[in-house]
Amino acid sequence: MFGLGHWEIILILVIVLIIFGAGKLPKVAGELAKGIKSFKDGLKENKKNNNEKK
């Protein structure tokens, strides 16, 4: 996954946990999921608009 090993992923997760804290982690994950969904929807809409222009 992106050239990262198991230890690098664990280190990143620990740092995120320290920065945001355990209480805010679900909220941050939810906002990240919404952002990813919005990005995917934008890509689909852009692809649809490009196909209509042709």
Protein backbone atom coordinates (compact mmCIF):
# COMPACT_ATOMS: atom_id res chain seq x y z
CA MET A 1 0.00 0.00 0.00
CA PHE A 2 1.76 3.14 -1.27
CA GLY A 3 5.12 1.54 -0.54
CA LEU A 4 4.57 1.77 3.21
CA GLY A 5 5.41 -1.09 5.50
CA HIS A 6 3.50 -2.21 8.55
CA TRP A 7 5.64 -0.20 10.96
CA GLU A 8 5.25 3.02 9.00
CA ILE A 9 1.46 2.68 8.98
CA ILE A 10 1.40 1.96 12.71
CA LEU A 11 3.62 4.99 13.37
CA ILE A 12 1.33 7.23 11.30
CA LEU A 13 -1.74 5.96 13.17
CA VAL A 14 -0.08 6.58 16.54
CA ILE A 15 0.86 10.13 15.53
CA VAL A 16 -2.70 10.81 14.33
CA LEU A 17 -4.05 9.44 17.60
CA ILE A 18 -1.73 11.69 19.59
CA ILE A 19 -2.61 14.79 17.55
CA PHE A 20 -6.39 14.38 17.46
CA GLY A 21 -7.00 12.31 20.57
CA ALA A 22 -9.25 9.30 20.89
CA GLY A 23 -12.41 11.38 21.33
CA LYS A 24 -12.11 13.29 18.06
CA LEU A 25 -10.87 10.38 15.98
CA PRO A 26 -14.36 9.15 14.89
CA LYS A 27 -15.32 12.70 13.87
CA VAL A 28 -12.12 13.12 11.86
CA ALA A 29 -12.64 9.74 10.18
CA GLY A 30 -16.23 10.67 9.30
CA GLU A 31 -15.17 13.97 7.78
CA LEU A 32 -12.44 12.22 5.82
CA ALA A 33 -14.96 9.71 4.48
CA LYS A 34 -17.31 12.53 3.43
CA GLY A 35 -14.43 14.24 1.64
CA ILE A 36 -13.47 11.09 -0.23
CA LYS A 37 -17.11 10.48 -1.22
CA SER A 38 -17.42 14.05 -2.45
CA PHE A 39 -14.21 13.69 -4.45
CA LYS A 40 -15.43 10.47 -6.08
CA ASP A 41 -18.79 12.07 -6.92
CA GLY A 42 -16.97 15.01 -8.48
CA LEU A 43 -14.89 12.69 -10.63
CA LYS A 44 -18.00 10.83 -11.81
CA GLU A 45 -19.76 14.12 -12.62
CA ASN A 46 -16.72 15.41 -14.49
CA LYS A 47 -16.49 12.20 -16.50
CA LYS A 48 -20.20 12.41 -17.28
CA ASN A 49 -19.87 16.04 -18.43
CA ASN A 50 -16.89 15.17 -20.63
CA ASN A 51 -18.82 12.33 -22.29
CA GLU A 52 -21.78 14.65 -22.98
CA LYS A 53 -19.53 17.23 -24.67
CA LYS A 54 -18.26 14.69 -27.21
